[in-house]
Amino acid sequence: MDVREIVKSLDSEIAARTSDRFGIKMGYALMKALAEDGLVTLEKFSIMGSGVFEHELLTYKRKYAVTIDYDMADYDFALGVARPQM
C-alpha cells in the first residue's frame, strides 16, 4: 500500500471541508505508518485552548484528533462530521 497516495487523498478530503472541527478514524496499519512518518503525533489539548482539563490526544498533522477503528480495513480512513462553531 502506498501511504503517500493515502496521505494525498486524506489531505484532499480535509481541504474540501469548510470547517476544521472534525476528527479522523483510520485502520491500524495506516495509523502505524503515519506515526512512523511523524504525521500522527501525541499533542496536548485543553478546553478552548485555555489549559484547563488538558489531555493528550493522537493527532494528524498536529491539528485533527485521530482514533484507530479496528473494524476498518488496515489502510482505510474516514473523516467525521464537522461540529458547528459555538
N, C-alpha and C. Protein backbone atom coordinates (compact mmCIF):
# COMPACT_ATOMS: atom_id res chain seq x y z
N MET A 1 0.85 -1.18 0.00
CA MET A 1 0.00 0.00 0.00
C MET A 1 0.89 1.24 0.00
N ASP A 2 0.62 2.18 -0.91
CA ASP A 2 1.40 3.41 -0.98
C ASP A 2 0.79 4.46 -0.04
N VAL A 3 1.44 4.64 1.08
CA VAL A 3 0.93 5.56 2.11
C VAL A 3 0.93 7.00 1.59
N ARG A 4 1.88 7.36 0.73
CA ARG A 4 1.91 8.73 0.18
C ARG A 4 0.63 9.05 -0.57
N GLU A 5 0.10 8.09 -1.31
CA GLU A 5 -1.15 8.30 -2.04
C GLU A 5 -2.33 8.45 -1.07
N ILE A 6 -2.31 7.69 -0.01
CA ILE A 6 -3.36 7.81 1.00
C ILE A 6 -3.30 9.18 1.66
N VAL A 7 -2.09 9.65 1.96
CA VAL A 7 -1.92 10.99 2.56
C VAL A 7 -2.46 12.06 1.61
N LYS A 8 -2.18 11.93 0.32
CA LYS A 8 -2.71 12.89 -0.66
C LYS A 8 -4.24 12.89 -0.65
N SER A 9 -4.82 11.70 -0.62
CA SER A 9 -6.28 11.58 -0.59
C SER A 9 -6.86 12.16 0.70
N LEU A 10 -6.22 11.86 1.82
CA LEU A 10 -6.66 12.38 3.11
C LEU A 10 -6.57 13.91 3.13
N ASP A 11 -5.45 14.45 2.69
CA ASP A 11 -5.28 15.90 2.65
C ASP A 11 -6.28 16.57 1.71
N SER A 12 -6.59 15.90 0.61
CA SER A 12 -7.57 16.43 -0.34
C SER A 12 -8.96 16.50 0.29
N GLU A 13 -9.34 15.46 1.00
CA GLU A 13 -10.64 15.46 1.67
C GLU A 13 -10.69 16.52 2.76
N ILE A 14 -9.60 16.70 3.48
CA ILE A 14 -9.54 17.74 4.52
C ILE A 14 -9.68 19.12 3.89
N ALA A 15 -8.98 19.36 2.80
CA ALA A 15 -9.01 20.66 2.12
C ALA A 15 -10.40 21.00 1.58
N ALA A 16 -11.19 20.00 1.28
CA ALA A 16 -12.53 20.23 0.75
C ALA A 16 -13.54 20.63 1.83
N ARG A 17 -13.15 20.50 3.08
CA ARG A 17 -14.04 20.83 4.20
C ARG A 17 -14.08 22.33 4.43
N THR A 18 -15.23 22.83 4.86
CA THR A 18 -15.36 24.25 5.18
C THR A 18 -15.03 24.53 6.64
N SER A 19 -14.95 23.49 7.46
CA SER A 19 -14.63 23.63 8.88
C SER A 19 -13.52 22.64 9.21
N ASP A 20 -12.72 22.99 10.22
CA ASP A 20 -11.67 22.07 10.65
C ASP A 20 -12.02 21.41 11.99
N ARG A 21 -13.28 21.44 12.35
CA ARG A 21 -13.73 20.90 13.62
C ARG A 21 -14.28 19.48 13.45
N PHE A 22 -13.40 18.54 13.16
CA PHE A 22 -13.78 17.15 12.99
C PHE A 22 -12.60 16.27 13.35
N GLY A 23 -12.86 15.01 13.55
CA GLY A 23 -11.81 14.05 13.82
C GLY A 23 -11.68 13.08 12.66
N ILE A 24 -10.70 12.21 12.76
CA ILE A 24 -10.44 11.23 11.71
C ILE A 24 -10.30 9.87 12.37
N LYS A 25 -10.95 8.87 11.77
CA LYS A 25 -10.71 7.50 12.22
C LYS A 25 -10.02 6.76 11.08
N MET A 26 -9.17 5.82 11.45
CA MET A 26 -8.42 5.09 10.43
C MET A 26 -8.08 3.69 10.92
N GLY A 27 -7.71 2.85 9.97
CA GLY A 27 -7.30 1.49 10.27
C GLY A 27 -5.95 1.47 10.96
N TYR A 28 -5.68 0.36 11.62
CA TYR A 28 -4.46 0.23 12.42
C TYR A 28 -3.19 0.40 11.60
N ALA A 29 -3.09 -0.23 10.45
CA ALA A 29 -1.86 -0.17 9.65
C ALA A 29 -1.59 1.25 9.16
N LEU A 30 -2.64 1.97 8.79
CA LEU A 30 -2.46 3.36 8.35
C LEU A 30 -1.99 4.23 9.51
N MET A 31 -2.60 4.06 10.67
CA MET A 31 -2.19 4.82 11.86
C MET A 31 -0.71 4.56 12.16
N LYS A 32 -0.32 3.31 12.12
CA LYS A 32 1.06 2.95 12.41
C LYS A 32 2.02 3.57 11.39
N ALA A 33 1.68 3.50 10.11
CA ALA A 33 2.54 4.06 9.06
C ALA A 33 2.65 5.58 9.18
N LEU A 34 1.54 6.25 9.48
CA LEU A 34 1.57 7.71 9.62
C LEU A 34 2.35 8.12 10.87
N ALA A 35 2.26 7.33 11.92
CA ALA A 35 3.03 7.62 13.13
C ALA A 35 4.53 7.46 12.85
N GLU A 36 4.89 6.43 12.11
CA GLU A 36 6.30 6.22 11.77
C GLU A 36 6.84 7.37 10.90
N ASP A 37 5.97 7.98 10.09
CA ASP A 37 6.37 9.11 9.24
C ASP A 37 6.27 10.45 9.97
N GLY A 38 5.82 10.43 11.23
CA GLY A 38 5.71 11.66 12.01
C GLY A 38 4.46 12.48 11.71
N LEU A 39 3.51 11.91 10.97
CA LEU A 39 2.28 12.64 10.65
C LEU A 39 1.20 12.44 11.71
N VAL A 40 1.31 11.37 12.49
CA VAL A 40 0.43 11.17 13.64
C VAL A 40 1.31 11.30 14.88
N THR A 41 0.95 12.26 15.73
CA THR A 41 1.72 12.53 16.94
C THR A 41 0.78 12.71 18.13
N LEU A 42 1.34 12.69 19.31
CA LEU A 42 0.60 12.93 20.54
C LEU A 42 0.72 14.41 20.89
N GLU A 43 -0.41 15.10 20.99
CA GLU A 43 -0.42 16.54 21.26
C GLU A 43 -1.34 16.85 22.44
N LYS A 44 -1.08 17.97 23.09
CA LYS A 44 -1.90 18.39 24.22
C LYS A 44 -3.04 19.31 23.75
N PHE A 45 -4.23 19.03 24.28
CA PHE A 45 -5.40 19.85 24.01
C PHE A 45 -6.04 20.21 25.34
N SER A 46 -6.74 21.34 25.35
CA SER A 46 -7.48 21.75 26.54
C SER A 46 -8.77 22.43 26.11
N ILE A 47 -9.61 22.72 27.06
CA ILE A 47 -10.88 23.37 26.75
C ILE A 47 -10.63 24.75 26.15
N MET A 48 -11.01 24.90 24.90
CA MET A 48 -10.88 26.16 24.16
C MET A 48 -9.48 26.76 24.26
N GLY A 49 -8.47 25.90 24.36
CA GLY A 49 -7.09 26.37 24.40
C GLY A 49 -6.70 27.06 25.69
N SER A 50 -7.51 26.90 26.74
CA SER A 50 -7.29 27.63 27.99
C SER A 50 -6.25 26.98 28.90
N GLY A 51 -5.91 25.73 28.65
CA GLY A 51 -5.01 25.00 29.54
C GLY A 51 -5.77 24.23 30.61
N VAL A 52 -7.09 24.43 30.69
CA VAL A 52 -7.92 23.75 31.68
C VAL A 52 -8.27 22.36 31.15
N PHE A 53 -8.20 21.37 32.03
CA PHE A 53 -8.50 19.98 31.69
C PHE A 53 -7.68 19.50 30.49
N GLU A 54 -6.41 19.71 30.57
CA GLU A 54 -5.52 19.36 29.47
C GLU A 54 -5.46 17.84 29.29
N HIS A 55 -5.50 17.40 28.03
CA HIS A 55 -5.42 15.99 27.67
C HIS A 55 -4.45 15.83 26.51
N GLU A 56 -3.84 14.65 26.42
CA GLU A 56 -3.03 14.33 25.25
C GLU A 56 -3.84 13.45 24.33
N LEU A 57 -3.88 13.82 23.06
CA LEU A 57 -4.62 13.08 22.05
C LEU A 57 -3.73 12.80 20.86
N LEU A 58 -3.99 11.69 20.19
CA LEU A 58 -3.33 11.44 18.92
C LEU A 58 -3.88 12.40 17.88
N THR A 59 -3.00 12.96 17.07
CA THR A 59 -3.44 13.93 16.06
C THR A 59 -2.79 13.64 14.71
N TYR A 60 -3.46 14.08 13.66
CA TYR A 60 -2.91 14.05 12.32
C TYR A 60 -2.43 15.47 12.02
N LYS A 61 -1.17 15.59 11.69
CA LYS A 61 -0.53 16.88 11.39
C LYS A 61 -0.76 17.90 12.50
N ARG A 62 -0.77 17.41 13.75
CA ARG A 62 -0.86 18.23 14.97
C ARG A 62 -2.16 19.03 15.08
N LYS A 63 -3.17 18.69 14.29
CA LYS A 63 -4.38 19.51 14.29
C LYS A 63 -5.67 18.71 14.46
N TYR A 64 -5.76 17.55 13.84
CA TYR A 64 -7.01 16.80 13.81
C TYR A 64 -6.91 15.58 14.72
N ALA A 65 -7.85 15.43 15.64
CA ALA A 65 -7.86 14.27 16.53
C ALA A 65 -8.04 13.01 15.70
N VAL A 66 -7.30 11.96 16.07
CA VAL A 66 -7.30 10.71 15.32
C VAL A 66 -7.57 9.56 16.27
N THR A 67 -8.29 8.57 15.78
CA THR A 67 -8.51 7.34 16.54
C THR A 67 -8.41 6.14 15.62
N ILE A 68 -8.01 5.02 16.17
CA ILE A 68 -7.97 3.78 15.41
C ILE A 68 -9.35 3.15 15.45
N ASP A 69 -9.81 2.70 14.29
CA ASP A 69 -11.05 1.94 14.20
C ASP A 69 -10.67 0.53 13.77
N TYR A 70 -10.72 -0.40 14.71
CA TYR A 70 -10.29 -1.77 14.43
C TYR A 70 -11.24 -2.51 13.50
N ASP A 71 -12.43 -1.96 13.23
CA ASP A 71 -13.36 -2.58 12.29
C ASP A 71 -13.10 -2.15 10.85
N MET A 72 -12.27 -1.12 10.67
CA MET A 72 -11.95 -0.64 9.31
C MET A 72 -10.84 -1.49 8.71
N ALA A 73 -10.79 -1.51 7.38
CA ALA A 73 -9.66 -2.16 6.71
C ALA A 73 -8.39 -1.42 7.12
N ASP A 74 -7.25 -2.10 7.07
CA ASP A 74 -5.99 -1.56 7.59
C ASP A 74 -5.61 -0.18 7.07
N TYR A 75 -5.87 0.12 5.81
CA TYR A 75 -5.43 1.39 5.24
C TYR A 75 -6.59 2.32 4.89
N ASP A 76 -7.77 2.08 5.45
CA ASP A 76 -8.92 2.96 5.23
C ASP A 76 -8.93 4.10 6.25
N PHE A 77 -9.63 5.17 5.91
CA PHE A 77 -9.84 6.28 6.84
C PHE A 77 -11.20 6.89 6.56
N ALA A 78 -11.71 7.64 7.52
CA ALA A 78 -12.98 8.36 7.37
C ALA A 78 -12.91 9.62 8.20
N LEU A 79 -13.36 10.72 7.61
CA LEU A 79 -13.43 11.99 8.33
C LEU A 79 -14.80 12.10 9.00
N GLY A 80 -14.80 12.67 10.18
CA GLY A 80 -16.04 12.83 10.92
C GLY A 80 -16.86 14.01 10.39
N VAL A 81 -18.03 14.16 10.96
CA VAL A 81 -18.91 15.28 10.62
C VAL A 81 -18.43 16.50 11.38
N ALA A 82 -18.29 17.61 10.67
CA ALA A 82 -17.79 18.85 11.31
C ALA A 82 -18.80 19.34 12.34
N ARG A 83 -18.28 19.73 13.49
CA ARG A 83 -19.11 20.32 14.54
C ARG A 83 -19.31 21.79 14.24
N PRO A 84 -20.51 22.30 14.44
CA PRO A 84 -20.70 23.75 14.25
C PRO A 84 -19.97 24.53 15.33
N GLN A 85 -19.45 25.68 14.96
CA GLN A 85 -18.77 26.52 15.95
C GLN A 85 -19.79 27.22 16.80
N MET A 86 -19.48 27.34 18.07
CA MET A 86 -20.42 27.99 19.01
C MET A 86 -20.03 29.42 19.20
